[in-house]
Protein backbone atom coordinates (compact mmCIF):
# COMPACT_ATOMS: atom_id res chain seq x y z
CA UNK A 1 -67.34 -86.13 15.05
CA UNK A 2 -64.80 -84.64 17.50
CA UNK A 3 -63.79 -81.09 16.81
CA UNK A 4 -60.53 -79.74 18.29
CA UNK A 5 -60.91 -76.89 20.75
CA UNK A 6 -59.43 -73.50 20.03
CA UNK A 7 -56.12 -72.86 21.71
CA UNK A 8 -56.31 -70.51 24.69
CA UNK A 9 -53.85 -67.64 24.80
CA UNK A 10 -50.79 -67.74 27.06
CA UNK A 11 -52.08 -64.66 28.91
CA UNK A 12 -55.38 -66.32 29.83
CA UNK A 13 -53.56 -69.47 30.91
CA UNK A 14 -51.18 -67.47 33.10
CA UNK A 15 -54.07 -65.50 34.71
CA UNK A 16 -55.92 -68.73 35.59
CA UNK A 17 -52.74 -70.29 36.99
CA UNK A 18 -52.02 -67.26 39.19
CA UNK A 19 -55.60 -67.26 40.53
CA UNK A 20 -55.18 -70.97 41.42
CA UNK A 21 -51.87 -70.35 43.10
CA UNK A 22 -53.26 -67.39 45.08
CA UNK A 23 -55.94 -69.63 46.56
CA UNK A 24 -53.27 -72.00 47.89
CA UNK A 25 -51.32 -69.04 49.28
CA UNK A 26 -54.29 -67.81 51.33
CA UNK A 27 -55.08 -71.32 52.59
CA UNK A 28 -51.46 -71.75 53.74
CA UNK A 29 -51.43 -68.29 55.38
CA UNK A 30 -54.64 -69.12 57.28
CA UNK A 31 -53.27 -72.50 58.44
CA UNK A 32 -50.04 -70.89 59.59
CA UNK A 33 -51.91 -68.19 61.49
CA UNK A 34 -54.06 -70.81 63.24
CA UNK A 35 -50.96 -72.88 64.15
CA UNK A 36 -49.23 -69.77 65.50
CA UNK A 37 -52.16 -68.81 67.69
CA UNK A 38 -52.46 -72.43 68.96
CA UNK A 39 -48.77 -72.50 69.92
CA UNK A 40 -48.98 -69.20 71.86
CA UNK A 41 -52.23 -70.13 73.55
CA UNK A 42 -54.09 -67.05 72.32
CA UNK A 43 -56.61 -68.95 70.29
CA UNK A 44 -60.40 -68.66 70.54
CA UNK A 45 -60.52 -71.85 68.46
CA UNK A 46 -59.29 -73.97 71.40
CA UNK A 47 -61.54 -72.23 73.90
CA UNK A 48 -64.61 -72.94 71.73
CA UNK A 49 -63.69 -76.66 71.55
CA UNK A 50 -63.10 -76.92 75.27
CA UNK A 51 -66.38 -75.13 76.05
CA UNK A 52 -68.30 -77.51 73.76
CA UNK A 53 -66.79 -80.61 75.34
CA UNK A 54 -67.54 -79.36 78.86
CA UNK A 55 -71.23 -78.73 78.13
């Protein structure tokens, strides 16, 4: 027989939600930083790809 779960508190729900949002913030910040370095040409990322294709 199915038993209903206990209700989680608003505080716990808010903490979990903020942790989830913070993960998205860091991913966006990292992507923006990579795009910025690619546009200025100061990226090691591009140099690594070019070196791998030349080998």
